[in-house]
């Protein structure tokens, strides 16, 4: 209790030293970089956790939870960066397609927790999300290269 009060007092003192109108804003470029790192880490975790059942490793509850957390992190990061597209309608649609791909991966995580779903139902949604992710990523890269040329 005393430590919590002390830390709250220190924080309030620090904020008053910085000024009354303190706003915690992350620059748009920094947010994009952080979201890209989150997407990369989340997709790598999803890949690792999806390969383990194929190698006859028993699926434990912590693996399901880790898969769901990684899928949720990818979805949140994609939602935060969906407006980073330029003026091109095609680029905006491809970014929305990335969000849909992340949502399909979240559906696959939800299917891991359902008792009445088949043992490989989640794989179908994962593959659909992965294919959409790959297509949209390659096309966005192609658009970026065309803009630079």
Protein backbone atom coordinates (compact mmCIF):
# COMPACT_ATOMS: atom_id res chain seq x y z
CA UNK A 1 0.00 0.00 0.00
CA UNK A 2 2.77 2.40 0.93
CA UNK A 3 4.75 1.53 -2.20
CA UNK A 4 1.70 2.08 -4.42
CA UNK A 5 1.04 5.46 -2.82
CA UNK A 6 4.67 6.43 -3.19
CA UNK A 7 4.75 5.49 -6.85
CA UNK A 8 1.49 7.38 -7.51
CA UNK A 9 2.90 10.45 -5.78
CA UNK A 10 6.11 10.21 -7.79
CA UNK A 11 4.16 9.86 -11.02
CA UNK A 12 1.93 12.84 -10.23
CA UNK A 13 4.99 14.92 -9.30
CA UNK A 14 6.68 13.96 -12.57
CA UNK A 15 3.59 14.88 -14.56
CA UNK A 16 3.26 18.26 -12.89
CA UNK A 17 6.94 18.92 -13.58
CA UNK A 18 6.38 18.17 -17.27
CA UNK A 19 3.37 20.48 -17.43
CA UNK A 20 -0.38 20.34 -16.99
CA UNK A 21 -1.24 19.36 -20.55
CA UNK A 22 0.79 16.19 -20.82
CA UNK A 23 -0.31 14.06 -23.73
CA UNK A 24 1.11 10.65 -24.41
CA UNK A 25 1.18 10.40 -28.18
CA UNK A 26 3.07 7.94 -30.27
CA UNK A 27 4.14 9.27 -33.59
CA UNK A 28 2.48 7.58 -36.53
CA UNK A 29 5.74 6.22 -37.89
CA UNK A 30 6.73 4.78 -34.52
CA UNK A 31 3.32 3.14 -34.13
CA UNK A 32 3.70 1.54 -37.55
CA UNK A 33 7.14 0.21 -36.63
CA UNK A 34 5.88 -1.23 -33.35
CA UNK A 35 2.87 -2.81 -35.07
CA UNK A 36 5.11 -4.34 -37.73
CA UNK A 37 7.28 -5.93 -35.04
CA UNK A 38 4.16 -7.23 -33.25
CA UNK A 39 2.82 -8.69 -36.51
CA UNK A 40 6.16 -10.35 -37.27
CA UNK A 41 6.50 -11.84 -33.79
CA UNK A 42 2.87 -12.95 -33.75
CA UNK A 43 3.04 -14.63 -37.14
CA UNK A 44 6.27 -16.42 -36.22
CA UNK A 45 4.67 -17.66 -33.00
CA UNK A 46 1.60 -18.83 -34.92
CA UNK A 47 3.83 -20.66 -37.40
CA UNK A 48 5.77 -22.39 -34.64
CA UNK A 49 2.63 -23.37 -32.74
CA UNK A 50 0.87 -24.58 -35.89
CA UNK A 51 3.79 -26.81 -36.88
CA UNK A 52 4.02 -28.55 -33.50
CA UNK A 53 0.83 -30.67 -33.93
CA UNK A 54 2.09 -31.75 -37.34
CA UNK A 55 5.20 -33.12 -35.64
CA UNK A 56 3.04 -35.27 -33.32
CA UNK A 57 3.54 -33.02 -30.31
CA UNK A 58 0.52 -33.20 -28.05
CA UNK A 59 -1.49 -29.97 -28.06
CA UNK A 60 -1.52 -28.66 -24.54
CA UNK A 61 -3.74 -25.86 -23.20
CA UNK A 62 -0.86 -23.39 -22.98
CA UNK A 63 -0.18 -23.85 -26.69
CA UNK A 64 -3.77 -23.01 -27.51
CA UNK A 65 -3.64 -19.92 -25.33
CA UNK A 66 -0.33 -18.80 -26.84
CA UNK A 67 -1.76 -19.31 -30.33
CA UNK A 68 -4.85 -17.27 -29.45
CA UNK A 69 -2.78 -14.47 -27.90
CA UNK A 70 -0.53 -14.30 -30.95
CA UNK A 71 -3.55 -14.27 -33.29
CA UNK A 72 -5.18 -11.49 -31.25
CA UNK A 73 -1.97 -9.46 -31.26
CA UNK A 74 -1.72 -9.77 -35.04
CA UNK A 75 -5.33 -8.67 -35.44
CA UNK A 76 -4.92 -5.64 -33.16
CA UNK A 77 -1.71 -4.60 -34.91
CA UNK A 78 -3.36 -4.94 -38.32
CA UNK A 79 -6.33 -2.88 -37.14
CA UNK A 80 -4.02 -0.13 -35.91
CA UNK A 81 -2.17 0.09 -39.23
CA UNK A 82 -5.09 -0.32 -41.63
CA UNK A 83 -5.15 3.43 -42.31
CA UNK A 84 -1.45 3.64 -43.17
CA UNK A 85 -2.21 3.11 -46.84
CA UNK A 86 -1.68 5.84 -49.35
CA UNK A 87 -4.26 7.42 -51.59
CA UNK A 88 -4.48 4.39 -53.83
CA UNK A 89 -7.75 2.49 -53.55
CA UNK A 90 -5.92 -0.73 -54.33
CA UNK A 91 -3.48 -0.23 -51.47
CA UNK A 92 -6.30 0.48 -49.01
CA UNK A 93 -8.15 -2.65 -50.13
CA UNK A 94 -5.03 -4.76 -49.71
CA UNK A 95 -4.60 -3.42 -46.17
CA UNK A 96 -8.20 -4.34 -45.40
CA UNK A 97 -7.45 -7.78 -46.83
CA UNK A 98 -4.61 -8.07 -44.29
CA UNK A 99 -7.12 -7.35 -41.52
CA UNK A 100 -9.47 -10.02 -42.88
CA UNK A 101 -6.57 -12.48 -42.99
CA UNK A 102 -5.79 -11.72 -39.34
CA UNK A 103 -9.47 -12.21 -38.48
CA UNK A 104 -9.42 -15.63 -40.18
CA UNK A 105 -6.41 -16.58 -38.08
CA UNK A 106 -8.36 -15.50 -34.98
CA UNK A 107 -11.24 -17.74 -36.10
CA UNK A 108 -8.78 -20.61 -36.34
CA UNK A 109 -7.68 -19.87 -32.76
CA UNK A 110 -11.32 -19.88 -31.66
CA UNK A 111 -11.81 -23.27 -33.32
CA UNK A 112 -8.94 -24.68 -31.26
CA UNK A 113 -10.98 -24.10 -28.11
CA UNK A 114 -14.28 -25.51 -29.40
CA UNK A 115 -15.02 -29.06 -28.37
CA UNK A 116 -17.48 -29.78 -31.20
CA UNK A 117 -15.16 -28.74 -34.04
CA UNK A 118 -13.14 -31.29 -35.93
CA UNK A 119 -9.46 -31.84 -35.17
CA UNK A 120 -8.35 -30.08 -38.36
CA UNK A 121 -11.02 -27.40 -38.80
CA UNK A 122 -8.70 -24.76 -37.43
CA UNK A 123 -6.12 -25.62 -40.10
CA UNK A 124 -8.53 -24.65 -42.88
CA UNK A 125 -9.01 -21.16 -41.49
CA UNK A 126 -5.30 -20.83 -40.79
CA UNK A 127 -4.46 -21.75 -44.39
CA UNK A 128 -7.07 -19.34 -45.76
CA UNK A 129 -5.67 -16.54 -43.61
CA UNK A 130 -2.10 -17.41 -44.56
CA UNK A 131 -2.90 -17.39 -48.28
CA UNK A 132 -4.66 -14.02 -48.00
CA UNK A 133 -1.75 -12.69 -45.95
CA UNK A 134 0.79 -13.85 -48.53
CA UNK A 135 -1.15 -12.42 -51.48
CA UNK A 136 -1.75 -9.05 -49.86
CA UNK A 137 1.85 -8.77 -48.65
CA UNK A 138 3.32 -9.55 -52.07
CA UNK A 139 0.96 -7.15 -53.81
CA UNK A 140 1.69 -4.35 -51.33
CA UNK A 141 5.40 -4.88 -51.91
CA UNK A 142 4.81 -4.76 -55.65
CA UNK A 143 2.87 -1.49 -55.30
CA UNK A 144 5.68 0.01 -53.22
CA UNK A 145 8.25 -0.97 -55.85
CA UNK A 146 6.08 0.55 -58.59
CA UNK A 147 5.83 3.82 -56.65
CA UNK A 148 9.60 4.00 -56.21
CA UNK A 149 10.25 3.43 -59.90
